[in-house]
Amino acid sequence: MAGERGMVSVEVAFGALLSAAVALGLCYLIAIVMQLGELQAVAGEVARQRARGDVAAAQRAQAGAPNGTRVRVSGSGADVVVEVELQSRPWGGVIPAVGLRARAVVAREGA
């Protein structure tokens, strides 16, 4: 029994490290989800403005996207299709990039 005196301290230390790792992972996941939501908002806004024919407003909406975002606008018949892509690095170069994509399809006004 005398050799087991420090085991509780070791278990608590490992538990604290594991808890910290899980908390960091959740924070990273939340940052990725927030960027995905931002991309979806940009895609929707650009699609709505292009569907209205307001190119200047679409460019302003596109300018609000995170750095490194690629925006592609195409027409599919009576629809405007906007695809937005980003290699997301919410914490800089610490963790490898995650590819995010968002897509919005809006019917052209007057079509």
C-alpha atoms as a PDB file:
ATOM      1  CA  MET A   1       0.000   0.000   0.000  1.00  0.00           C
ATOM      2  CA  ALA A   2       2.871   2.386   0.616  1.00  0.00           C
ATOM      3  CA  GLY A   3       3.826   2.342  -3.118  1.00  0.00           C
ATOM      4  CA  GLU A   4       0.370   3.591  -4.134  1.00  0.00           C
ATOM      5  CA  ARG A   5       0.426   6.855  -2.168  1.00  0.00           C
ATOM      6  CA  GLY A   6       1.119   9.103  -5.189  1.00  0.00           C
ATOM      7  CA  MET A   7      -1.249   7.370  -7.638  1.00  0.00           C
ATOM      8  CA  VAL A   8      -4.166   9.677  -6.934  1.00  0.00           C
ATOM      9  CA  SER A   9      -2.046  12.703  -7.819  1.00  0.00           C
ATOM     10  CA  VAL A  10      -0.979  11.095 -11.110  1.00  0.00           C
ATOM     11  CA  GLU A  11      -4.576  10.213 -11.989  1.00  0.00           C
ATOM     12  CA  VAL A  12      -5.730  13.753 -11.241  1.00  0.00           C
ATOM     13  CA  ALA A  13      -2.907  15.183 -13.372  1.00  0.00           C
ATOM     14  CA  PHE A  14      -3.806  12.956 -16.333  1.00  0.00           C
ATOM     15  CA  GLY A  15      -7.481  13.792 -15.880  1.00  0.00           C
ATOM     16  CA  ALA A  16      -6.702  17.509 -15.910  1.00  0.00           C
ATOM     17  CA  LEU A  17      -4.575  17.166 -19.070  1.00  0.00           C
ATOM     18  CA  LEU A  18      -7.293  15.159 -20.797  1.00  0.00           C
ATOM     19  CA  SER A  19      -9.925  17.719 -19.796  1.00  0.00           C
ATOM     20  CA  ALA A  20      -7.766  20.541 -21.162  1.00  0.00           C
ATOM     21  CA  ALA A  21      -7.251  18.685 -24.455  1.00  0.00           C
ATOM     22  CA  VAL A  22     -10.999  18.079 -24.822  1.00  0.00           C
ATOM     23  CA  ALA A  23     -11.737  21.744 -24.057  1.00  0.00           C
ATOM     24  CA  LEU A  24      -9.223  22.894 -26.692  1.00  0.00           C
ATOM     25  CA  GLY A  25     -10.716  20.501 -29.238  1.00  0.00           C
ATOM     26  CA  LEU A  26     -14.209  21.827 -28.577  1.00  0.00           C
ATOM     27  CA  CYS A  27     -13.016  25.426 -28.907  1.00  0.00           C
ATOM     28  CA  TYR A  28     -11.404  24.576 -32.249  1.00  0.00           C
ATOM     29  CA  LEU A  29     -14.587  22.870 -33.445  1.00  0.00           C
ATOM     30  CA  ILE A  30     -16.658  25.894 -32.446  1.00  0.00           C
ATOM     31  CA  ALA A  31     -14.271  28.186 -34.359  1.00  0.00           C
ATOM     32  CA  ILE A  32     -14.638  26.018 -37.489  1.00  0.00           C
ATOM     33  CA  VAL A  33     -18.444  25.984 -37.212  1.00  0.00           C
ATOM     34  CA  MET A  34     -18.510  29.766 -36.787  1.00  0.00           C
ATOM     35  CA  GLN A  35     -16.401  30.236 -39.926  1.00  0.00           C
ATOM     36  CA  LEU A  36     -18.685  27.863 -41.823  1.00  0.00           C
ATOM     37  CA  GLY A  37     -21.682  29.942 -40.746  1.00  0.00           C
ATOM     38  CA  GLU A  38     -19.909  33.091 -41.896  1.00  0.00           C
ATOM     39  CA  LEU A  39     -19.202  31.517 -45.292  1.00  0.00           C
ATOM     40  CA  GLN A  40     -22.833  30.471 -45.646  1.00  0.00           C
ATOM     41  CA  ALA A  41     -23.955  34.018 -44.840  1.00  0.00           C
ATOM     42  CA  VAL A  42     -21.581  35.441 -47.463  1.00  0.00           C
ATOM     43  CA  ALA A  43     -22.760  32.931 -50.077  1.00  0.00           C
ATOM     44  CA  GLY A  44     -26.409  33.730 -49.386  1.00  0.00           C
ATOM     45  CA  GLU A  45     -25.899  37.496 -49.453  1.00  0.00           C
ATOM     46  CA  VAL A  46     -23.863  37.441 -52.678  1.00  0.00           C
ATOM     47  CA  ALA A  47     -26.461  35.186 -54.315  1.00  0.00           C
ATOM     48  CA  ARG A  48     -29.353  37.448 -53.260  1.00  0.00           C
ATOM     49  CA  GLN A  49     -27.622  40.585 -54.520  1.00  0.00           C
ATOM     50  CA  ARG A  50     -26.633  38.953 -57.829  1.00  0.00           C
ATOM     51  CA  ALA A  51     -30.201  37.668 -58.259  1.00  0.00           C
ATOM     52  CA  ARG A  52     -31.384  41.275 -57.918  1.00  0.00           C
ATOM     53  CA  GLY A  53     -28.750  42.422 -60.412  1.00  0.00           C
ATOM     54  CA  ASP A  54     -26.945  44.587 -57.840  1.00  0.00           C
ATOM     55  CA  VAL A  55     -23.300  43.815 -58.626  1.00  0.00           C
ATOM     56  CA  ALA A  56     -21.920  46.576 -56.371  1.00  0.00           C
ATOM     57  CA  ALA A  57     -23.761  45.229 -53.312  1.00  0.00           C
ATOM     58  CA  ALA A  58     -22.606  41.708 -54.173  1.00  0.00           C
ATOM     59  CA  GLN A  59     -19.006  42.918 -54.276  1.00  0.00           C
ATOM     60  CA  ARG A  60     -19.418  44.604 -50.880  1.00  0.00           C
ATOM     61  CA  ALA A  61     -20.824  41.379 -49.433  1.00  0.00           C
ATOM     62  CA  GLN A  62     -17.948  39.431 -50.958  1.00  0.00           C
ATOM     63  CA  ALA A  63     -15.436  41.873 -49.450  1.00  0.00           C
ATOM     64  CA  GLY A  64     -16.758  40.959 -45.992  1.00  0.00           C
ATOM     65  CA  ALA A  65     -15.648  37.342 -46.397  1.00  0.00           C
ATOM     66  CA  PRO A  66     -12.639  36.043 -44.427  1.00  0.00           C
ATOM     67  CA  ASN A  67      -9.205  36.444 -46.024  1.00  0.00           C
ATOM     68  CA  GLY A  68      -8.399  33.701 -48.520  1.00  0.00           C
ATOM     69  CA  THR A  69     -12.029  33.045 -49.445  1.00  0.00           C
ATOM     70  CA  ARG A  70     -12.756  32.112 -53.064  1.00  0.00           C
ATOM     71  CA  VAL A  71     -16.183  33.055 -54.373  1.00  0.00           C
ATOM     72  CA  ARG A  72     -17.549  31.631 -57.636  1.00  0.00           C
ATOM     73  CA  VAL A  73     -20.752  32.925 -59.156  1.00  0.00           C
ATOM     74  CA  SER A  74     -22.491  31.048 -61.941  1.00  0.00           C
ATOM     75  CA  GLY A  75     -25.890  30.977 -63.538  1.00  0.00           C
ATOM     76  CA  SER A  76     -27.989  27.862 -63.830  1.00  0.00           C
ATOM     77  CA  GLY A  77     -30.973  28.811 -65.964  1.00  0.00           C
ATOM     78  CA  ALA A  78     -33.190  31.064 -63.877  1.00  0.00           C
ATOM     79  CA  ASP A  79     -31.005  30.625 -60.776  1.00  0.00           C
ATOM     80  CA  VAL A  80     -27.863  32.271 -59.464  1.00  0.00           C
ATOM     81  CA  VAL A  81     -25.450  29.785 -57.892  1.00  0.00           C
ATOM     82  CA  VAL A  82     -22.728  31.004 -55.522  1.00  0.00           C
ATOM     83  CA  GLU A  83     -20.054  28.669 -54.187  1.00  0.00           C
ATOM     84  CA  VAL A  84     -17.682  29.861 -51.474  1.00  0.00           C
ATOM     85  CA  GLU A  85     -14.519  27.991 -50.425  1.00  0.00           C
ATOM     86  CA  LEU A  86     -11.950  28.615 -47.710  1.00  0.00           C
ATOM     87  CA  GLN A  87      -8.980  26.712 -46.351  1.00  0.00           C
ATOM     88  CA  SER A  88      -9.770  27.547 -42.748  1.00  0.00           C
ATOM     89  CA  ARG A  89      -6.995  28.121 -40.213  1.00  0.00           C
ATOM     90  CA  PRO A  90      -8.798  29.663 -37.224  1.00  0.00           C
ATOM     91  CA  TRP A  91      -5.704  29.335 -35.003  1.00  0.00           C
ATOM     92  CA  GLY A  92      -3.068  30.262 -37.550  1.00  0.00           C
ATOM     93  CA  GLY A  93      -0.563  27.617 -38.551  1.00  0.00           C
ATOM     94  CA  VAL A  94      -0.800  25.622 -35.313  1.00  0.00           C
ATOM     95  CA  ILE A  95      -3.270  23.055 -36.678  1.00  0.00           C
ATOM     96  CA  PRO A  96      -3.565  21.975 -40.345  1.00  0.00           C
ATOM     97  CA  ALA A  97      -6.122  23.738 -42.528  1.00  0.00           C
ATOM     98  CA  VAL A  98      -9.669  22.456 -42.875  1.00  0.00           C
ATOM     99  CA  GLY A  99     -11.425  22.919 -46.219  1.00  0.00           C
ATOM    100  CA  LEU A 100     -14.822  24.597 -45.838  1.00  0.00           C
ATOM    101  CA  ARG A 101     -17.450  25.085 -48.554  1.00  0.00           C
ATOM    102  CA  ALA A 102     -20.788  26.829 -48.673  1.00  0.00           C
ATOM    103  CA  ARG A 103     -23.284  27.041 -51.520  1.00  0.00           C
ATOM    104  CA  ALA A 104     -26.345  29.189 -52.125  1.00  0.00           C
ATOM    105  CA  VAL A 105     -28.879  29.023 -54.955  1.00  0.00           C
ATOM    106  CA  VAL A 106     -31.329  31.900 -55.461  1.00  0.00           C
ATOM    107  CA  ALA A 107     -33.879  32.440 -58.232  1.00  0.00           C
ATOM    108  CA  ARG A 108     -33.255  35.526 -60.364  1.00  0.00           C
ATOM    109  CA  GLU A 109     -35.766  38.281 -59.810  1.00  0.00           C
ATOM    110  CA  GLY A 110     -38.083  38.756 -62.733  1.00  0.00           C
ATOM    111  CA  ALA A 111     -37.255  35.336 -64.183  1.00  0.00           C
END
